[in-house]
Amino acid sequence: MMRKRSRAFPVLNQLGELMSALSVTGATAQIVPENYDKLAGIVKQSSARISRALKVL
């Protein structure tokens, strides 16, 4: 059985309501502890950018 790591962050609409989520998932061999925080940060920033874009629509 392959072990996995994942992290997800919400994508919110202009009312602050949950619209979807953005995530990263991979095998523990691919997402090593040294890179986990960096990958989580990228996903968090990306979900925040999408949320901001939705607020101007």
PDB file of N, CA and C in Angstrom:
ATOM      1  N   MET A   1       0.836  -1.187   0.000  1.00  0.00           N
ATOM      2  CA  MET A   1       0.000   0.000   0.000  1.00  0.00           C
ATOM      3  C   MET A   1       0.880   1.250   0.000  1.00  0.00           C
ATOM      4  N   MET A   2       0.612   2.158  -0.920  1.00  0.00           N
ATOM      5  CA  MET A   2       1.392   3.380  -1.023  1.00  0.00           C
ATOM      6  C   MET A   2       0.885   4.409  -0.015  1.00  0.00           C
ATOM      7  N   ARG A   3       1.803   4.975   0.720  1.00  0.00           N
ATOM      8  CA  ARG A   3       1.446   6.046   1.655  1.00  0.00           C
ATOM      9  C   ARG A   3       1.445   7.363   0.907  1.00  0.00           C
ATOM     10  N   LYS A   4       0.529   8.245   1.293  1.00  0.00           N
ATOM     11  CA  LYS A   4       0.368   9.521   0.595  1.00  0.00           C
ATOM     12  C   LYS A   4       0.380  10.684   1.571  1.00  0.00           C
ATOM     13  N   ARG A   5       0.716  11.833   1.027  1.00  0.00           N
ATOM     14  CA  ARG A   5       0.611  13.093   1.760  1.00  0.00           C
ATOM     15  C   ARG A   5      -0.234  14.030   0.912  1.00  0.00           C
ATOM     16  N   SER A   6      -1.015  14.856   1.583  1.00  0.00           N
ATOM     17  CA  SER A   6      -1.789  15.851   0.839  1.00  0.00           C
ATOM     18  C   SER A   6      -2.040  17.072   1.708  1.00  0.00           C
ATOM     19  N   ARG A   7      -2.367  18.148   1.026  1.00  0.00           N
ATOM     20  CA  ARG A   7      -2.715  19.390   1.707  1.00  0.00           C
ATOM     21  C   ARG A   7      -3.697  20.129   0.822  1.00  0.00           C
ATOM     22  N   ALA A   8      -4.727  20.712   1.408  1.00  0.00           N
ATOM     23  CA  ALA A   8      -5.750  21.425   0.639  1.00  0.00           C
ATOM     24  C   ALA A   8      -6.074  22.756   1.297  1.00  0.00           C
ATOM     25  N   PHE A   9      -6.492  23.708   0.471  1.00  0.00           N
ATOM     26  CA  PHE A   9      -6.895  25.025   0.943  1.00  0.00           C
ATOM     27  C   PHE A   9      -8.165  25.434   0.218  1.00  0.00           C
ATOM     28  N   PRO A  10      -9.027  26.220   0.872  1.00  0.00           N
ATOM     29  CA  PRO A  10     -10.311  26.597   0.270  1.00  0.00           C
ATOM     30  C   PRO A  10     -10.173  27.672  -0.806  1.00  0.00           C
ATOM     31  N   VAL A  11     -11.117  27.645  -1.729  1.00  0.00           N
ATOM     32  CA  VAL A  11     -11.298  28.718  -2.705  1.00  0.00           C
ATOM     33  C   VAL A  11     -12.654  29.330  -2.376  1.00  0.00           C
ATOM     34  N   LEU A  12     -12.650  30.628  -2.047  1.00  0.00           N
ATOM     35  CA  LEU A  12     -13.858  31.307  -1.586  1.00  0.00           C
ATOM     36  C   LEU A  12     -14.375  32.282  -2.633  1.00  0.00           C
ATOM     37  N   ASN A  13     -15.690  32.470  -2.656  1.00  0.00           N
ATOM     38  CA  ASN A  13     -16.278  33.442  -3.583  1.00  0.00           C
ATOM     39  C   ASN A  13     -16.288  34.831  -2.950  1.00  0.00           C
ATOM     40  N   GLN A  14     -16.917  35.788  -3.618  1.00  0.00           N
ATOM     41  CA  GLN A  14     -16.936  37.174  -3.146  1.00  0.00           C
ATOM     42  C   GLN A  14     -17.661  37.353  -1.823  1.00  0.00           C
ATOM     43  N   LEU A  15     -18.496  36.382  -1.439  1.00  0.00           N
ATOM     44  CA  LEU A  15     -19.203  36.441  -0.158  1.00  0.00           C
ATOM     45  C   LEU A  15     -18.462  35.692   0.947  1.00  0.00           C
ATOM     46  N   GLY A  16     -17.295  35.154   0.611  1.00  0.00           N
ATOM     47  CA  GLY A  16     -16.529  34.382   1.576  1.00  0.00           C
ATOM     48  C   GLY A  16     -17.027  32.963   1.741  1.00  0.00           C
ATOM     49  N   GLU A  17     -17.859  32.525   0.804  1.00  0.00           N
ATOM     50  CA  GLU A  17     -18.411  31.169   0.859  1.00  0.00           C
ATOM     51  C   GLU A  17     -17.498  30.204   0.108  1.00  0.00           C
ATOM     52  N   LEU A  18     -17.448  28.997   0.598  1.00  0.00           N
ATOM     53  CA  LEU A  18     -16.629  27.967  -0.029  1.00  0.00           C
ATOM     54  C   LEU A  18     -17.165  27.628  -1.411  1.00  0.00           C
ATOM     55  N   MET A  19     -16.307  27.722  -2.416  1.00  0.00           N
ATOM     56  CA  MET A  19     -16.678  27.364  -3.785  1.00  0.00           C
ATOM     57  C   MET A  19     -16.046  26.032  -4.179  1.00  0.00           C
ATOM     58  N   SER A  20     -14.802  25.839  -3.770  1.00  0.00           N
ATOM     59  CA  SER A  20     -14.071  24.618  -4.095  1.00  0.00           C
ATOM     60  C   SER A  20     -12.820  24.575  -3.229  1.00  0.00           C
ATOM     61  N   ALA A  21     -11.934  23.669  -3.571  1.00  0.00           N
ATOM     62  CA  ALA A  21     -10.667  23.579  -2.860  1.00  0.00           C
ATOM     63  C   ALA A  21      -9.569  23.264  -3.865  1.00  0.00           C
ATOM     64  N   LEU A  22      -8.380  23.649  -3.514  1.00  0.00           N
ATOM     65  CA  LEU A  22      -7.205  23.367  -4.322  1.00  0.00           C
ATOM     66  C   LEU A  22      -6.292  22.513  -3.461  1.00  0.00           C
ATOM     67  N   SER A  23      -5.772  21.425  -4.039  1.00  0.00           N
ATOM     68  CA  SER A  23      -4.955  20.524  -3.226  1.00  0.00           C
ATOM     69  C   SER A  23      -3.766  19.992  -4.004  1.00  0.00           C
ATOM     70  N   VAL A  24      -2.837  19.468  -3.260  1.00  0.00           N
ATOM     71  CA  VAL A  24      -1.702  18.740  -3.819  1.00  0.00           C
ATOM     72  C   VAL A  24      -1.639  17.412  -3.076  1.00  0.00           C
ATOM     73  N   THR A  25      -1.446  16.340  -3.827  1.00  0.00           N
ATOM     74  CA  THR A  25      -1.374  14.999  -3.253  1.00  0.00           C
ATOM     75  C   THR A  25      -0.271  14.230  -3.955  1.00  0.00           C
ATOM     76  N   GLY A  26       0.458  13.454  -3.199  1.00  0.00           N
ATOM     77  CA  GLY A  26       1.501  12.631  -3.798  1.00  0.00           C
ATOM     78  C   GLY A  26       1.971  11.574  -2.830  1.00  0.00           C
ATOM     79  N   ALA A  27       2.725  10.663  -3.354  1.00  0.00           N
ATOM     80  CA  ALA A  27       3.308   9.607  -2.526  1.00  0.00           C
ATOM     81  C   ALA A  27       4.324  10.226  -1.574  1.00  0.00           C
ATOM     82  N   THR A  28       4.491   9.600  -0.418  1.00  0.00           N
ATOM     83  CA  THR A  28       5.454  10.125   0.555  1.00  0.00           C
ATOM     84  C   THR A  28       6.864  10.158  -0.026  1.00  0.00           C
ATOM     85  N   ALA A  29       7.138   9.294  -0.995  1.00  0.00           N
ATOM     86  CA  ALA A  29       8.449   9.313  -1.648  1.00  0.00           C
ATOM     87  C   ALA A  29       8.612  10.553  -2.524  1.00  0.00           C
ATOM     88  N   GLN A  30       7.503  11.115  -2.991  1.00  0.00           N
ATOM     89  CA  GLN A  30       7.545  12.299  -3.845  1.00  0.00           C
ATOM     90  C   GLN A  30       7.463  13.588  -3.042  1.00  0.00           C
ATOM     91  N   ILE A  31       6.615  13.604  -2.030  1.00  0.00           N
ATOM     92  CA  ILE A  31       6.453  14.797  -1.191  1.00  0.00           C
ATOM     93  C   ILE A  31       7.178  14.530   0.125  1.00  0.00           C
ATOM     94  N   VAL A  32       8.447  14.841   0.104  1.00  0.00           N
ATOM     95  CA  VAL A  32       9.292  14.580   1.269  1.00  0.00           C
ATOM     96  C   VAL A  32       9.123  15.709   2.286  1.00  0.00           C
ATOM     97  N   PRO A  33       9.391  15.429   3.564  1.00  0.00           N
ATOM     98  CA  PRO A  33       9.196  16.445   4.604  1.00  0.00           C
ATOM     99  C   PRO A  33       9.890  17.777   4.306  1.00  0.00           C
ATOM    100  N   GLU A  34      11.044  17.727   3.659  1.00  0.00           N
ATOM    101  CA  GLU A  34      11.780  18.957   3.362  1.00  0.00           C
ATOM    102  C   GLU A  34      11.024  19.858   2.383  1.00  0.00           C
ATOM    103  N   ASN A  35      10.165  19.279   1.545  1.00  0.00           N
ATOM    104  CA  ASN A  35       9.433  20.051   0.541  1.00  0.00           C
ATOM    105  C   ASN A  35       7.968  20.276   0.895  1.00  0.00           C
ATOM    106  N   TYR A  36       7.479  19.624   1.932  1.00  0.00           N
ATOM    107  CA  TYR A  36       6.050  19.672   2.247  1.00  0.00           C
ATOM    108  C   TYR A  36       5.569  21.098   2.517  1.00  0.00           C
ATOM    109  N   ASP A  37       6.278  21.827   3.349  1.00  0.00           N
ATOM    110  CA  ASP A  37       5.860  23.195   3.677  1.00  0.00           C
ATOM    111  C   ASP A  37       5.902  24.105   2.454  1.00  0.00           C
ATOM    112  N   LYS A  38       6.909  23.931   1.608  1.00  0.00           N
ATOM    113  CA  LYS A  38       7.005  24.741   0.392  1.00  0.00           C
ATOM    114  C   LYS A  38       5.826  24.455  -0.536  1.00  0.00           C
ATOM    115  N   LEU A  39       5.510  23.179  -0.745  1.00  0.00           N
ATOM    116  CA  LEU A  39       4.373  22.820  -1.598  1.00  0.00           C
ATOM    117  C   LEU A  39       3.063  23.334  -1.010  1.00  0.00           C
ATOM    118  N   ALA A  40       2.899  23.191   0.294  1.00  0.00           N
ATOM    119  CA  ALA A  40       1.680  23.678   0.947  1.00  0.00           C
ATOM    120  C   ALA A  40       1.560  25.190   0.769  1.00  0.00           C
ATOM    121  N   GLY A  41       2.667  25.900   0.872  1.00  0.00           N
ATOM    122  CA  GLY A  41       2.653  27.353   0.681  1.00  0.00           C
ATOM    123  C   GLY A  41       2.247  27.752  -0.729  1.00  0.00           C
ATOM    124  N   ILE A  42       2.724  27.006  -1.715  1.00  0.00           N
ATOM    125  CA  ILE A  42       2.363  27.284  -3.108  1.00  0.00           C
ATOM    126  C   ILE A  42       0.873  27.077  -3.319  1.00  0.00           C
ATOM    127  N   VAL A  43       0.338  25.991  -2.773  1.00  0.00           N
ATOM    128  CA  VAL A  43      -1.095  25.710  -2.926  1.00  0.00           C
ATOM    129  C   VAL A  43      -1.917  26.763  -2.192  1.00  0.00           C
ATOM    130  N   LYS A  44      -1.476  27.162  -1.006  1.00  0.00           N
ATOM    131  CA  LYS A  44      -2.197  28.183  -0.236  1.00  0.00           C
ATOM    132  C   LYS A  44      -2.218  29.513  -0.986  1.00  0.00           C
ATOM    133  N   GLN A  45      -1.079  29.925  -1.517  1.00  0.00           N
ATOM    134  CA  GLN A  45      -1.017  31.178  -2.277  1.00  0.00           C
ATOM    135  C   GLN A  45      -1.902  31.108  -3.517  1.00  0.00           C
ATOM    136  N   SER A  46      -1.889  29.972  -4.181  1.00  0.00           N
ATOM    137  CA  SER A  46      -2.697  29.814  -5.393  1.00  0.00           C
ATOM    138  C   SER A  46      -4.184  29.872  -5.087  1.00  0.00           C
ATOM    139  N   SER A  47      -4.607  29.227  -4.004  1.00  0.00           N
ATOM    140  CA  SER A  47      -6.027  29.269  -3.650  1.00  0.00           C
ATOM    141  C   SER A  47      -6.441  30.690  -3.263  1.00  0.00           C
ATOM    142  N   ALA A  48      -5.548  31.425  -2.617  1.00  0.00           N
ATOM    143  CA  ALA A  48      -5.845  32.817  -2.259  1.00  0.00           C
ATOM    144  C   ALA A  48      -5.961  33.683  -3.511  1.00  0.00           C
ATOM    145  N   ARG A  49      -5.104  33.459  -4.497  1.00  0.00           N
ATOM    146  CA  ARG A  49      -5.178  34.216  -5.755  1.00  0.00           C
ATOM    147  C   ARG A  49      -6.487  33.953  -6.480  1.00  0.00           C
ATOM    148  N   ILE A  50      -6.892  32.697  -6.530  1.00  0.00           N
ATOM    149  CA  ILE A  50      -8.157  32.348  -7.183  1.00  0.00           C
ATOM    150  C   ILE A  50      -9.313  33.010  -6.444  1.00  0.00           C
ATOM    151  N   SER A  51      -9.277  32.963  -5.115  1.00  0.00           N
ATOM    152  CA  SER A  51     -10.336  33.592  -4.318  1.00  0.00           C
ATOM    153  C   SER A  51     -10.417  35.087  -4.604  1.00  0.00           C
ATOM    154  N   ARG A  52      -9.268  35.757  -4.667  1.00  0.00           N
ATOM    155  CA  ARG A  52      -9.260  37.201  -4.970  1.00  0.00           C
ATOM    156  C   ARG A  52      -9.822  37.463  -6.364  1.00  0.00           C
ATOM    157  N   ALA A  53      -9.482  36.619  -7.315  1.00  0.00           N
ATOM    158  CA  ALA A  53      -9.996  36.788  -8.682  1.00  0.00           C
ATOM    159  C   ALA A  53     -11.512  36.633  -8.712  1.00  0.00           C
ATOM    160  N   LEU A  54     -12.045  35.718  -7.929  1.00  0.00           N
ATOM    161  CA  LEU A  54     -13.493  35.526  -7.885  1.00  0.00           C
ATOM    162  C   LEU A  54     -14.202  36.731  -7.277  1.00  0.00           C
ATOM    163  N   LYS A  55     -13.528  37.432  -6.394  1.00  0.00           N
ATOM    164  CA  LYS A  55     -14.146  38.586  -5.728  1.00  0.00           C
ATOM    165  C   LYS A  55     -14.334  39.769  -6.668  1.00  0.00           C
ATOM    166  N   VAL A  56     -13.588  39.821  -7.751  1.00  0.00           N
ATOM    167  CA  VAL A  56     -13.718  40.947  -8.680  1.00  0.00           C
ATOM    168  C   VAL A  56     -14.648  40.635  -9.844  1.00  0.00           C
ATOM    169  N   LEU A  57     -15.163  39.433  -9.897  1.00  0.00           N
ATOM    170  CA  LEU A  57     -16.089  39.068 -10.985  1.00  0.00           C
ATOM    171  C   LEU A  57     -17.459  39.644 -10.756  1.00  0.00           C
TER     172      LEU A  57
END
